Amino acid sequence: MCLDWDMSDTLTSILNKLLNQPTAPFHEYHVREAIEQLLLDVPHVDLSHDAFGNLLVTYRKGKRRSTPTWVLGAHMDHPAFVKVPNKDEWDFLGGMPKAVVELEENVAQRKEHGDFAPWDFDAVVDNGRVQAPACDDLVGCSVIVAVFKELARLGLDATVHAAFTRAEEVGFLGAWHLGKNWPFGKESVFLSVETSRPVNGAELGEGPMIRVGDRLSIFDNELTKILVSTAMGQGIRVQRCLLDAGACEASALQACGIRSAGVSVPLGNYHNLDDDQVLAPEWVYLEDVQSMVNLLVALVGVDQHGLEERPLEERVSLRMKEFKKHLEAGNSKFEALAV
């Protein structure tokens, strides 16, 4: 399968829709409703909610099922001010330095939406760059929506799931509920779709980052290999790296016993702080986002021949047989020197 398509208009409209939704931990209802509106009439797509309020989505057409079956995951919240229940006070929920959050000029930069208040920045998609008060992880949500729309447009026979989770920024609460009440079957695996600060040689504008792991854990090697081989087979530029400056939901799902991997769009101004720790909108390159959509459509739509490769144990055993005479010859030299 060769992907040759341009969905920039569709992707831009999805980004504009979702990035303009205010959100905060436990207050993801505007984002969830917008995702539902975008996917409601997409052919072969079913929507549901779990008991925690995570949005679960399945695209199913035909009988073809990839091995493994992927569950694409992105969270719907972002650090923000949230009203303390039954009090006229505000908490800031999510990972930002308290000293920065409490600066008078920064407090003045929030915009109230009832019981929560995100940062008051404009969402703009222009000149190849996307900026918003919350790219993390509404860009990831946008990518998944775009993937499902493209699968339907292409009419691909496939089964793929998605989970749009709540309360990631306060400790993976939605993801943990998902993992402990896994609804997708034993053959399904989880893929965290994030935006992340590029570290360890990764750079903005150089393509999606395939995560070897994060600050908390190393991800499933076989799944990571499939991601890399898919990118290579489709000519999609990616960056393979350990993003250990933070953690993502793949670690939470792994801790629940679900095989997991992670991919990320390189993110500028992570959690709304620039290099000088000044409050700023987050941003990404549109080309990196488009490449991520291409990668995930290919992941679902292309037969994964890499799964047919011999496992490492078998490959080593074959090499032992192949080089048996060389090993014996070398061993005899070691034995001679030991006399």
C-alpha atoms as a PDB file:
ATOM      1  CA  MET A   1       0.000   0.000   0.000  1.00  0.00           C
ATOM      2  CA  CYS A   2       1.371   3.390  -0.968  1.00  0.00           C
ATOM      3  CA  LEU A   3      -0.123   6.440   0.695  1.00  0.00           C
ATOM      4  CA  ASP A   4      -0.434   9.318  -1.742  1.00  0.00           C
ATOM      5  CA  TRP A   5      -2.974  11.793  -0.475  1.00  0.00           C
ATOM      6  CA  ASP A   6      -3.323  15.322   0.826  1.00  0.00           C
ATOM      7  CA  MET A   7      -5.705  15.890   3.704  1.00  0.00           C
ATOM      8  CA  SER A   8      -4.252  19.214   4.830  1.00  0.00           C
ATOM      9  CA  ASP A   9      -7.625  20.988   4.582  1.00  0.00           C
ATOM     10  CA  THR A  10      -9.356  18.307   6.641  1.00  0.00           C
ATOM     11  CA  LEU A  11      -6.558  18.205   9.217  1.00  0.00           C
ATOM     12  CA  THR A  12      -6.514  21.988   9.527  1.00  0.00           C
ATOM     13  CA  SER A  13     -10.278  22.072  10.119  1.00  0.00           C
ATOM     14  CA  ILE A  14      -9.981  19.370  12.787  1.00  0.00           C
ATOM     15  CA  LEU A  15      -7.164  21.248  14.518  1.00  0.00           C
ATOM     16  CA  ASN A  16      -9.117  24.505  14.424  1.00  0.00           C
ATOM     17  CA  LYS A  17     -12.136  22.767  15.925  1.00  0.00           C
ATOM     18  CA  LEU A  18     -10.380  21.001  18.787  1.00  0.00           C
ATOM     19  CA  LEU A  19      -7.690  23.522  19.661  1.00  0.00           C
ATOM     20  CA  ASN A  20     -10.381  26.154  20.250  1.00  0.00           C
ATOM     21  CA  GLN A  21     -12.041  24.017  22.933  1.00  0.00           C
ATOM     22  CA  PRO A  22     -11.196  24.987  26.530  1.00  0.00           C
ATOM     23  CA  THR A  23     -10.129  22.112  28.750  1.00  0.00           C
ATOM     24  CA  ALA A  24      -8.743  21.203  32.161  1.00  0.00           C
ATOM     25  CA  PRO A  25      -8.344  18.042  34.256  1.00  0.00           C
ATOM     26  CA  PHE A  26     -11.846  16.713  35.055  1.00  0.00           C
ATOM     27  CA  HIS A  27     -13.417  19.353  32.759  1.00  0.00           C
ATOM     28  CA  GLU A  28     -12.905  17.784  29.329  1.00  0.00           C
ATOM     29  CA  TYR A  29     -16.577  17.920  28.287  1.00  0.00           C
ATOM     30  CA  HIS A  30     -16.110  20.594  25.603  1.00  0.00           C
ATOM     31  CA  VAL A  31     -13.334  18.582  23.939  1.00  0.00           C
ATOM     32  CA  ARG A  32     -15.213  15.297  24.188  1.00  0.00           C
ATOM     33  CA  GLU A  33     -18.327  16.816  22.623  1.00  0.00           C
ATOM     34  CA  ALA A  34     -16.284  18.323  19.779  1.00  0.00           C
ATOM     35  CA  ILE A  35     -14.619  14.960  19.031  1.00  0.00           C
ATOM     36  CA  GLU A  36     -18.014  13.268  19.027  1.00  0.00           C
ATOM     37  CA  GLN A  37     -19.360  15.849  16.585  1.00  0.00           C
ATOM     38  CA  LEU A  38     -16.393  15.308  14.267  1.00  0.00           C
ATOM     39  CA  LEU A  39     -16.792  11.510  14.279  1.00  0.00           C
ATOM     40  CA  LEU A  40     -20.562  11.157  14.615  1.00  0.00           C
ATOM     41  CA  ASP A  41     -21.329  10.680  10.912  1.00  0.00           C
ATOM     42  CA  VAL A  42     -18.075   9.008   9.867  1.00  0.00           C
ATOM     43  CA  PRO A  43     -18.857   5.630   8.236  1.00  0.00           C
ATOM     44  CA  HIS A  44     -17.960   2.438  10.150  1.00  0.00           C
ATOM     45  CA  VAL A  45     -17.262   4.384  13.380  1.00  0.00           C
ATOM     46  CA  ASP A  46     -18.952   3.614  16.714  1.00  0.00           C
ATOM     47  CA  LEU A  47     -18.749   5.823  19.816  1.00  0.00           C
ATOM     48  CA  SER A  48     -19.258   5.026  23.500  1.00  0.00           C
ATOM     49  CA  HIS A  49     -18.192   6.141  26.986  1.00  0.00           C
ATOM     50  CA  ASP A  50     -16.738   4.084  29.813  1.00  0.00           C
ATOM     51  CA  ALA A  51     -17.623   4.529  33.486  1.00  0.00           C
ATOM     52  CA  PHE A  52     -14.854   7.132  33.966  1.00  0.00           C
ATOM     53  CA  GLY A  53     -16.075   9.272  31.075  1.00  0.00           C
ATOM     54  CA  ASN A  54     -13.335   8.317  28.613  1.00  0.00           C
ATOM     55  CA  LEU A  55     -14.534   8.404  25.006  1.00  0.00           C
ATOM     56  CA  LEU A  56     -14.094   5.042  23.252  1.00  0.00           C
ATOM     57  CA  VAL A  57     -14.174   4.803  19.459  1.00  0.00           C
ATOM     58  CA  THR A  58     -13.982   1.884  17.042  1.00  0.00           C
ATOM     59  CA  TYR A  59     -13.531   1.896  13.272  1.00  0.00           C
ATOM     60  CA  ARG A  60     -14.564  -1.481  11.865  1.00  0.00           C
ATOM     61  CA  LYS A  61     -15.005  -2.337   8.178  1.00  0.00           C
ATOM     62  CA  GLY A  62     -14.853  -5.832   6.793  1.00  0.00           C
ATOM     63  CA  LYS A  63     -13.357  -8.839   8.538  1.00  0.00           C
ATOM     64  CA  ARG A  64      -9.699  -7.863   8.270  1.00  0.00           C
ATOM     65  CA  ARG A  65      -7.980  -7.385  11.627  1.00  0.00           C
ATOM     66  CA  SER A  66      -4.379  -6.296  11.872  1.00  0.00           C
ATOM     67  CA  THR A  67      -2.096  -8.240  14.180  1.00  0.00           C
ATOM     68  CA  PRO A  68      -1.886  -6.700  16.663  1.00  0.00           C
ATOM     69  CA  THR A  69      -5.076  -4.633  16.795  1.00  0.00           C
ATOM     70  CA  TRP A  70      -4.149  -1.076  17.736  1.00  0.00           C
ATOM     71  CA  VAL A  71      -5.831   1.148  20.297  1.00  0.00           C
ATOM     72  CA  LEU A  72      -4.797   4.764  19.672  1.00  0.00           C
ATOM     73  CA  GLY A  73      -4.883   6.858  22.842  1.00  0.00           C
ATOM     74  CA  ALA A  74      -4.777  10.597  23.546  1.00  0.00           C
ATOM     75  CA  HIS A  75      -5.829  12.622  26.573  1.00  0.00           C
ATOM     76  CA  MET A  76      -8.330  15.469  26.465  1.00  0.00           C
ATOM     77  CA  ASP A  77      -7.086  17.607  29.378  1.00  0.00           C
ATOM     78  CA  HIS A  78      -4.313  20.167  29.870  1.00  0.00           C
ATOM     79  CA  PRO A  79      -2.947  21.956  32.971  1.00  0.00           C
ATOM     80  CA  ALA A  80      -5.319  24.741  34.049  1.00  0.00           C
ATOM     81  CA  PHE A  81      -6.943  26.488  36.995  1.00  0.00           C
ATOM     82  CA  VAL A  82      -9.938  24.601  38.421  1.00  0.00           C
ATOM     83  CA  LYS A  83     -12.387  25.814  41.064  1.00  0.00           C
ATOM     84  CA  VAL A  84     -12.202  24.001  44.387  1.00  0.00           C
ATOM     85  CA  PRO A  85     -15.566  22.209  44.767  1.00  0.00           C
ATOM     86  CA  ASN A  86     -17.970  24.141  47.019  1.00  0.00           C
ATOM     87  CA  LYS A  87     -15.447  26.922  47.636  1.00  0.00           C
ATOM     88  CA  ASP A  88     -14.675  30.273  46.073  1.00  0.00           C
ATOM     89  CA  GLU A  89     -11.064  29.245  45.487  1.00  0.00           C
ATOM     90  CA  TRP A  90      -8.947  28.017  42.606  1.00  0.00           C
ATOM     91  CA  ASP A  91      -6.466  25.149  42.376  1.00  0.00           C
ATOM     92  CA  PHE A  92      -3.990  24.771  39.538  1.00  0.00           C
ATOM     93  CA  LEU A  93      -4.093  21.168  38.314  1.00  0.00           C
ATOM     94  CA  GLY A  94      -1.229  19.861  36.223  1.00  0.00           C
ATOM     95  CA  GLY A  95       2.523  20.105  35.935  1.00  0.00           C
ATOM     96  CA  MET A  96       3.671  23.708  36.070  1.00  0.00           C
ATOM     97  CA  PRO A  97       5.972  25.335  38.669  1.00  0.00           C
ATOM     98  CA  LYS A  98       3.925  26.905  41.464  1.00  0.00           C
ATOM     99  CA  ALA A  99       6.095  30.017  41.456  1.00  0.00           C
ATOM    100  CA  VAL A 100       5.308  30.611  37.788  1.00  0.00           C
ATOM    101  CA  VAL A 101       1.588  29.888  38.122  1.00  0.00           C
ATOM    102  CA  GLU A 102       1.199  32.341  41.006  1.00  0.00           C
ATOM    103  CA  LEU A 103       2.882  35.311  39.315  1.00  0.00           C
ATOM    104  CA  GLU A 104       0.370  38.144  39.207  1.00  0.00           C
ATOM    105  CA  GLU A 105       0.825  38.716  35.475  1.00  0.00           C
ATOM    106  CA  ASN A 106       0.266  35.017  34.803  1.00  0.00           C
ATOM    107  CA  VAL A 107      -2.869  34.780  36.937  1.00  0.00           C
ATOM    108  CA  ALA A 108      -4.215  37.668  34.863  1.00  0.00           C
ATOM    109  CA  GLN A 109      -3.554  35.588  31.710  1.00  0.00           C
ATOM    110  CA  ARG A 110      -6.207  32.989  32.494  1.00  0.00           C
ATOM    111  CA  LYS A 111      -9.674  32.883  30.933  1.00  0.00           C
ATOM    112  CA  GLU A 112     -12.568  31.572  33.006  1.00  0.00           C
ATOM    113  CA  HIS A 113     -14.997  29.032  31.563  1.00  0.00           C
ATOM    114  CA  GLY A 114     -17.295  28.399  34.487  1.00  0.00           C
ATOM    115  CA  ASP A 115     -15.504  26.073  36.886  1.00  0.00           C
ATOM    116  CA  PHE A 116     -12.133  26.122  35.138  1.00  0.00           C
ATOM    117  CA  ALA A 117      -9.754  28.607  33.562  1.00  0.00           C
ATOM    118  CA  PRO A 118      -7.113  27.720  30.952  1.00  0.00           C
ATOM    119  CA  TRP A 119      -4.512  30.149  29.670  1.00  0.00           C
ATOM    120  CA  ASP A 120      -5.910  32.845  27.396  1.00  0.00           C
ATOM    121  CA  PHE A 121      -4.010  32.330  24.158  1.00  0.00           C
ATOM    122  CA  ASP A 122      -5.373  32.203  20.611  1.00  0.00           C
ATOM    123  CA  ALA A 123      -5.382  28.953  18.657  1.00  0.00           C
ATOM    124  CA  VAL A 124      -3.820  29.634  15.256  1.00  0.00           C
ATOM    125  CA  VAL A 125      -3.028  27.297  12.350  1.00  0.00           C
ATOM    126  CA  ASP A 126      -1.010  29.341   9.856  1.00  0.00           C
ATOM    127  CA  ASN A 127       2.214  29.334   7.823  1.00  0.00           C
ATOM    128  CA  GLY A 128       2.947  25.698   8.603  1.00  0.00           C
ATOM    129  CA  ARG A 129       2.809  26.235  12.345  1.00  0.00           C
ATOM    130  CA  VAL A 130       0.129  25.366  14.909  1.00  0.00           C
ATOM    131  CA  GLN A 131      -0.088  27.239  18.207  1.00  0.00           C
ATOM    132  CA  ALA A 132      -2.671  26.970  20.972  1.00  0.00           C
ATOM    133  CA  PRO A 133      -3.149  27.208  24.726  1.00  0.00           C
ATOM    134  CA  ALA A 134      -3.186  23.383  24.740  1.00  0.00           C
ATOM    135  CA  CYS A 135      -1.457  21.435  21.976  1.00  0.00           C
ATOM    136  CA  ASP A 136      -0.808  18.769  24.632  1.00  0.00           C
ATOM    137  CA  ASP A 137      -2.759  16.701  23.926  1.00  0.00           C
ATOM    138  CA  LEU A 138      -5.443  18.193  21.722  1.00  0.00           C
ATOM    139  CA  VAL A 139      -3.069  17.795  18.777  1.00  0.00           C
ATOM    140  CA  GLY A 140      -2.931  14.083  19.614  1.00  0.00           C
ATOM    141  CA  CYS A 141      -6.738  13.975  19.725  1.00  0.00           C
ATOM    142  CA  SER A 142      -6.829  15.768  16.354  1.00  0.00           C
ATOM    143  CA  VAL A 143      -4.418  13.233  14.844  1.00  0.00           C
ATOM    144  CA  ILE A 144      -6.621  10.314  15.872  1.00  0.00           C
ATOM    145  CA  VAL A 145      -9.772  11.980  14.532  1.00  0.00           C
ATOM    146  CA  ALA A 146      -7.960  12.639  11.240  1.00  0.00           C
ATOM    147  CA  VAL A 147      -6.815   9.000  11.068  1.00  0.00           C
ATOM    148  CA  PHE A 148     -10.367   7.701  11.504  1.00  0.00           C
ATOM    149  CA  LYS A 149     -11.720  10.105   8.887  1.00  0.00           C
ATOM    150  CA  GLU A 150      -9.005   9.074   6.437  1.00  0.00           C
ATOM    151  CA  LEU A 151      -9.585   5.360   6.999  1.00  0.00           C
ATOM    152  CA  ALA A 152     -13.261   5.917   6.190  1.00  0.00           C
ATOM    153  CA  ARG A 153     -12.455   8.071   3.132  1.00  0.00           C
ATOM    154  CA  LEU A 154     -10.148   5.381   1.780  1.00  0.00           C
ATOM    155  CA  GLY A 155     -12.691   2.691   2.630  1.00  0.00           C
ATOM    156  CA  LEU A 156      -9.991   0.496   4.170  1.00  0.00           C
ATOM    157  CA  ASP A 157     -10.947  -2.890   5.568  1.00  0.00           C
ATOM    158  CA  ALA A 158      -9.606  -2.692   9.098  1.00  0.00           C
ATOM    159  CA  THR A 159     -10.410  -2.706  12.780  1.00  0.00           C
ATOM    160  CA  VAL A 160      -8.823  -0.074  15.000  1.00  0.00           C
ATOM    161  CA  HIS A 161      -9.863   1.435  18.316  1.00  0.00           C
ATOM    162  CA  ALA A 162      -9.242   4.731  20.069  1.00  0.00           C
ATOM    163  CA  ALA A 163      -9.497   5.987  23.641  1.00  0.00           C
ATOM    164  CA  PHE A 164      -9.752   9.693  24.427  1.00  0.00           C
ATOM    165  CA  THR A 165      -8.961   9.841  28.125  1.00  0.00           C
ATOM    166  CA  ARG A 166      -9.604  12.213  31.022  1.00  0.00           C
ATOM    167  CA  ALA A 167      -7.412  13.562  33.829  1.00  0.00           C
ATOM    168  CA  GLU A 168      -4.022  12.541  32.416  1.00  0.00           C
ATOM    169  CA  GLU A 169      -2.306  15.649  33.759  1.00  0.00           C
ATOM    170  CA  VAL A 170      -2.965  14.706  37.396  1.00  0.00           C
ATOM    171  CA  GLY A 171      -1.609  11.167  37.226  1.00  0.00           C
ATOM    172  CA  PHE A 172      -3.050   9.149  34.307  1.00  0.00           C
ATOM    173  CA  LEU A 173      -6.415   8.677  36.041  1.00  0.00           C
ATOM    174  CA  GLY A 174      -8.439   8.056  32.882  1.00  0.00           C
ATOM    175  CA  ALA A 175      -5.751   5.831  31.398  1.00  0.00           C
ATOM    176  CA  TRP A 176      -5.529   3.816  34.612  1.00  0.00           C
ATOM    177  CA  HIS A 177      -9.269   3.205  34.581  1.00  0.00           C
ATOM    178  CA  LEU A 178      -8.989   2.173  30.932  1.00  0.00           C
ATOM    179  CA  GLY A 179      -6.196  -0.274  31.667  1.00  0.00           C
ATOM    180  CA  LYS A 180      -7.924  -1.799  34.682  1.00  0.00           C
ATOM    181  CA  ASN A 181     -11.164  -2.206  32.728  1.00  0.00           C
ATOM    182  CA  TRP A 182      -9.668  -2.970  29.312  1.00  0.00           C
ATOM    183  CA  PRO A 183     -12.580  -3.297  26.853  1.00  0.00           C
ATOM    184  CA  PHE A 184     -10.725  -4.110  23.640  1.00  0.00           C
ATOM    185  CA  GLY A 185      -9.679  -7.752  24.021  1.00  0.00           C
ATOM    186  CA  LYS A 186      -6.414  -9.573  24.704  1.00  0.00           C
ATOM    187  CA  GLU A 187      -5.051  -9.164  21.171  1.00  0.00           C
ATOM    188  CA  SER A 188      -5.269  -5.360  21.263  1.00  0.00           C
ATOM    189  CA  VAL A 189      -2.304  -3.154  22.144  1.00  0.00           C
ATOM    190  CA  PHE A 190      -2.108   0.498  23.198  1.00  0.00           C
ATOM    191  CA  LEU A 191      -0.369   3.319  21.354  1.00  0.00           C
ATOM    192  CA  SER A 192      -0.028   6.637  23.170  1.00  0.00           C
ATOM    193  CA  VAL A 193      -0.387   9.520  20.684  1.00  0.00           C
ATOM    194  CA  GLU A 194       1.135  12.582  22.339  1.00  0.00           C
ATOM    195  CA  THR A 195       2.875  15.870  21.841  1.00  0.00           C
ATOM    196  CA  SER A 196       6.158  15.943  23.742  1.00  0.00           C
ATOM    197  CA  ARG A 197       9.184  18.104  24.351  1.00  0.00           C
ATOM    198  CA  PRO A 198      11.962  16.827  22.027  1.00  0.00           C
ATOM    199  CA  VAL A 199      15.050  15.682  23.944  1.00  0.00           C
ATOM    200  CA  ASN A 200      18.021  13.368  23.393  1.00  0.00           C
ATOM    201  CA  GLY A 201      18.668  14.562  19.855  1.00  0.00           C
ATOM    202  CA  ALA A 202      15.070  14.886  18.665  1.00  0.00           C
ATOM    203  CA  GLU A 203      14.077  18.171  17.027  1.00  0.00           C
ATOM    204  CA  LEU A 204      10.987  20.102  16.025  1.00  0.00           C
ATOM    205  CA  GLY A 205      10.270  19.783  12.317  1.00  0.00           C
ATOM    206  CA  GLU A 206      12.122  16.489  11.865  1.00  0.00           C
ATOM    207  CA  GLY A 207       9.072  14.250  11.935  1.00  0.00           C
ATOM    208  CA  PRO A 208       7.131  12.277  14.551  1.00  0.00           C
ATOM    209  CA  MET A 209       9.069  10.800  17.442  1.00  0.00           C
ATOM    210  CA  ILE A 210       8.778   7.045  17.989  1.00  0.00           C
ATOM    211  CA  ARG A 211       9.299   6.665  21.709  1.00  0.00           C
ATOM    212  CA  VAL A 212      11.591   3.936  22.978  1.00  0.00           C
ATOM    213  CA  GLY A 213      10.211   4.820  26.385  1.00  0.00           C
ATOM    214  CA  ASP A 214       9.634   7.687  28.793  1.00  0.00           C
ATOM    215  CA  ARG A 215      10.763   8.726  32.274  1.00  0.00           C
ATOM    216  CA  LEU A 216       8.897   5.832  33.891  1.00  0.00           C
ATOM    217  CA  SER A 217       9.360   2.824  31.611  1.00  0.00           C
ATOM    218  CA  ILE A 218      10.666   1.310  28.379  1.00  0.00           C
ATOM    219  CA  PHE A 219       7.965   0.380  25.878  1.00  0.00           C
ATOM    220  CA  ASP A 220       7.241  -2.874  24.060  1.00  0.00           C
ATOM    221  CA  ASN A 221      10.153  -3.565  21.720  1.00  0.00           C
ATOM    222  CA  GLU A 222       8.138  -5.484  19.106  1.00  0.00           C
ATOM    223  CA  LEU A 223       5.553  -2.706  18.822  1.00  0.00           C
ATOM    224  CA  THR A 224       8.284  -0.089  18.548  1.00  0.00           C
ATOM    225  CA  LYS A 225       9.899  -2.136  15.784  1.00  0.00           C
ATOM    226  CA  ILE A 226       6.601  -2.257  13.878  1.00  0.00           C
ATOM    227  CA  LEU A 227       6.315   1.525  14.071  1.00  0.00           C
ATOM    228  CA  VAL A 228       9.852   1.993  12.765  1.00  0.00           C
ATOM    229  CA  SER A 229       9.440  -0.543   9.949  1.00  0.00           C
ATOM    230  CA  THR A 230       6.109   1.007   8.922  1.00  0.00           C
ATOM    231  CA  ALA A 231       7.715   4.444   8.695  1.00  0.00           C
ATOM    232  CA  MET A 232      10.629   3.085   6.673  1.00  0.00           C
ATOM    233  CA  GLY A 233       8.348   1.170   4.329  1.00  0.00           C
ATOM    234  CA  GLN A 234       6.238   4.260   3.608  1.00  0.00           C
ATOM    235  CA  GLY A 235       9.130   6.720   3.415  1.00  0.00           C
ATOM    236  CA  ILE A 236       7.890   8.696   6.429  1.00  0.00           C
ATOM    237  CA  ARG A 237      10.630  10.572   8.253  1.00  0.00           C
ATOM    238  CA  VAL A 238      10.574   9.751  11.974  1.00  0.00           C
ATOM    239  CA  GLN A 239      12.834  10.121  14.987  1.00  0.00           C
ATOM    240  CA  ARG A 240      13.425   7.144  17.296  1.00  0.00           C
ATOM    241  CA  CYS A 241      14.343   8.324  20.771  1.00  0.00           C
ATOM    242  CA  LEU A 242      13.974   7.974  24.524  1.00  0.00           C
ATOM    243  CA  LEU A 243      11.807  10.877  25.677  1.00  0.00           C
ATOM    244  CA  ASP A 244      12.705  10.743  29.357  1.00  0.00           C
ATOM    245  CA  ALA A 245      11.892  14.370  30.201  1.00  0.00           C
ATOM    246  CA  GLY A 246       8.320  13.294  30.973  1.00  0.00           C
ATOM    247  CA  ALA A 247       5.914  10.381  31.017  1.00  0.00           C
ATOM    248  CA  CYS A 248       2.919   9.343  28.931  1.00  0.00           C
ATOM    249  CA  GLU A 249      -0.075   7.059  29.161  1.00  0.00           C
ATOM    250  CA  ALA A 250       1.797   4.120  27.625  1.00  0.00           C
ATOM    251  CA  SER A 251       3.550   3.669  30.989  1.00  0.00           C
ATOM    252  CA  ALA A 252       0.197   3.599  32.799  1.00  0.00           C
ATOM    253  CA  LEU A 253      -1.242   1.002  30.415  1.00  0.00           C
ATOM    254  CA  GLN A 254       1.915  -1.124  30.655  1.00  0.00           C
ATOM    255  CA  ALA A 255       1.588  -1.096  34.429  1.00  0.00           C
ATOM    256  CA  CYS A 256      -1.911  -2.526  33.917  1.00  0.00           C
ATOM    257  CA  GLY A 257      -0.490  -5.381  31.833  1.00  0.00           C
ATOM    258  CA  ILE A 258      -1.349  -3.976  28.370  1.00  0.00           C
ATOM    259  CA  ARG A 259       1.361  -4.102  25.702  1.00  0.00           C
ATOM    260  CA  SER A 260       2.096  -0.469  24.856  1.00  0.00           C
ATOM    261  CA  ALA A 261       4.153   1.870  22.693  1.00  0.00           C
ATOM    262  CA  GLY A 262       4.276   5.608  22.156  1.00  0.00           C
ATOM    263  CA  VAL A 263       4.582   8.213  19.423  1.00  0.00           C
ATOM    264  CA  SER A 264       4.778  11.984  19.802  1.00  0.00           C
ATOM    265  CA  VAL A 265       4.647  15.147  17.737  1.00  0.00           C
ATOM    266  CA  PRO A 266       7.598  17.382  18.768  1.00  0.00           C
ATOM    267  CA  LEU A 267       6.249  20.191  20.956  1.00  0.00           C
ATOM    268  CA  GLY A 268       7.488  23.723  21.594  1.00  0.00           C
ATOM    269  CA  ASN A 269       6.820  25.562  24.869  1.00  0.00           C
ATOM    270  CA  TYR A 270       5.860  22.395  26.734  1.00  0.00           C
ATOM    271  CA  HIS A 271       3.186  23.133  29.343  1.00  0.00           C
ATOM    272  CA  ASN A 272       3.084  26.750  28.190  1.00  0.00           C
ATOM    273  CA  LEU A 273       6.612  27.720  29.215  1.00  0.00           C
ATOM    274  CA  ASP A 274       9.280  28.925  26.802  1.00  0.00           C
ATOM    275  CA  ASP A 275      13.019  28.406  27.270  1.00  0.00           C
ATOM    276  CA  ASP A 276      13.135  31.358  29.691  1.00  0.00           C
ATOM    277  CA  GLN A 277      10.224  29.974  31.763  1.00  0.00           C
ATOM    278  CA  VAL A 278       7.931  32.707  30.453  1.00  0.00           C
ATOM    279  CA  LEU A 279       4.255  31.908  29.875  1.00  0.00           C
ATOM    280  CA  ALA A 280       3.570  31.224  26.178  1.00  0.00           C
ATOM    281  CA  PRO A 281       1.279  29.224  23.864  1.00  0.00           C
ATOM    282  CA  GLU A 282       2.364  25.703  22.961  1.00  0.00           C
ATOM    283  CA  TRP A 283       3.191  25.050  19.312  1.00  0.00           C
ATOM    284  CA  VAL A 284       4.018  22.347  16.769  1.00  0.00           C
ATOM    285  CA  TYR A 285       4.852  22.200  13.058  1.00  0.00           C
ATOM    286  CA  LEU A 286       1.895  21.225  10.867  1.00  0.00           C
ATOM    287  CA  GLU A 287       4.170  19.019   8.749  1.00  0.00           C
ATOM    288  CA  ASP A 288       5.044  16.923  11.822  1.00  0.00           C
ATOM    289  CA  VAL A 289       1.331  16.506  12.553  1.00  0.00           C
ATOM    290  CA  GLN A 290       0.568  15.477   8.961  1.00  0.00           C
ATOM    291  CA  SER A 291       3.412  12.940   9.058  1.00  0.00           C
ATOM    292  CA  MET A 292       1.979  11.483  12.256  1.00  0.00           C
ATOM    293  CA  VAL A 293      -1.401  10.998  10.564  1.00  0.00           C
ATOM    294  CA  ASN A 294       0.334   9.318   7.601  1.00  0.00           C
ATOM    295  CA  LEU A 295       2.219   7.003   9.952  1.00  0.00           C
ATOM    296  CA  LEU A 296      -0.883   5.892  11.839  1.00  0.00           C
ATOM    297  CA  VAL A 297      -2.993   5.372   8.709  1.00  0.00           C
ATOM    298  CA  ALA A 298      -0.194   3.194   7.332  1.00  0.00           C
ATOM    299  CA  LEU A 299       0.117   1.377  10.657  1.00  0.00           C
ATOM    300  CA  VAL A 300      -3.516   0.325  10.465  1.00  0.00           C
ATOM    301  CA  GLY A 301      -3.824  -0.074   6.708  1.00  0.00           C
ATOM    302  CA  VAL A 302      -0.590  -1.828   5.743  1.00  0.00           C
ATOM    303  CA  ASP A 303       0.076  -5.525   6.361  1.00  0.00           C
ATOM    304  CA  GLN A 304       2.766  -5.731   9.009  1.00  0.00           C
ATOM    305  CA  HIS A 305       5.286  -8.071   7.410  1.00  0.00           C
ATOM    306  CA  GLY A 306       7.707  -7.207  10.197  1.00  0.00           C
ATOM    307  CA  LEU A 307       5.674  -9.413  12.513  1.00  0.00           C
ATOM    308  CA  GLU A 308       6.755 -12.390  10.424  1.00  0.00           C
ATOM    309  CA  GLU A 309      10.424 -11.837  11.186  1.00  0.00           C
ATOM    310  CA  ARG A 310      12.042 -14.492  13.340  1.00  0.00           C
ATOM    311  CA  PRO A 311      12.159 -13.639  17.054  1.00  0.00           C
ATOM    312  CA  LEU A 312      15.569 -12.761  18.470  1.00  0.00           C
ATOM    313  CA  GLU A 313      16.043 -16.122  20.192  1.00  0.00           C
ATOM    314  CA  GLU A 314      15.467 -18.002  16.937  1.00  0.00           C
ATOM    315  CA  ARG A 315      17.743 -15.665  14.968  1.00  0.00           C
ATOM    316  CA  VAL A 316      20.566 -16.146  17.477  1.00  0.00           C
ATOM    317  CA  SER A 317      20.109 -19.924  17.391  1.00  0.00           C
ATOM    318  CA  LEU A 318      20.382 -19.907  13.597  1.00  0.00           C
ATOM    319  CA  ARG A 319      23.509 -17.750  13.793  1.00  0.00           C
ATOM    320  CA  MET A 320      25.044 -20.199  16.277  1.00  0.00           C
ATOM    321  CA  LYS A 321      24.574 -22.992  13.753  1.00  0.00           C
ATOM    322  CA  GLU A 322      25.820 -20.860  10.870  1.00  0.00           C
ATOM    323  CA  PHE A 323      29.033 -19.861  12.666  1.00  0.00           C
ATOM    324  CA  LYS A 324      29.596 -23.074  14.607  1.00  0.00           C
ATOM    325  CA  LYS A 325      32.898 -23.856  12.843  1.00  0.00           C
ATOM    326  CA  HIS A 326      34.194 -20.321  13.424  1.00  0.00           C
ATOM    327  CA  LEU A 327      33.278 -20.591  17.100  1.00  0.00           C
ATOM    328  CA  GLU A 328      35.074 -23.928  17.447  1.00  0.00           C
ATOM    329  CA  ALA A 329      38.168 -22.573  15.676  1.00  0.00           C
ATOM    330  CA  GLY A 330      38.271 -19.504  17.921  1.00  0.00           C
ATOM    331  CA  ASN A 331      37.673 -21.583  21.043  1.00  0.00           C
ATOM    332  CA  SER A 332      40.640 -23.803  20.199  1.00  0.00           C
ATOM    333  CA  LYS A 333      42.889 -20.713  20.181  1.00  0.00           C
ATOM    334  CA  PHE A 334      41.562 -19.656  23.586  1.00  0.00           C
ATOM    335  CA  GLU A 335      42.272 -23.171  24.924  1.00  0.00           C
ATOM    336  CA  ALA A 336      45.775 -23.169  23.477  1.00  0.00           C
ATOM    337  CA  LEU A 337      46.608 -19.871  25.188  1.00  0.00           C
ATOM    338  CA  ALA A 338      45.251 -21.143  28.475  1.00  0.00           C
ATOM    339  CA  VAL A 339      47.693 -24.106  28.551  1.00  0.00           C
END
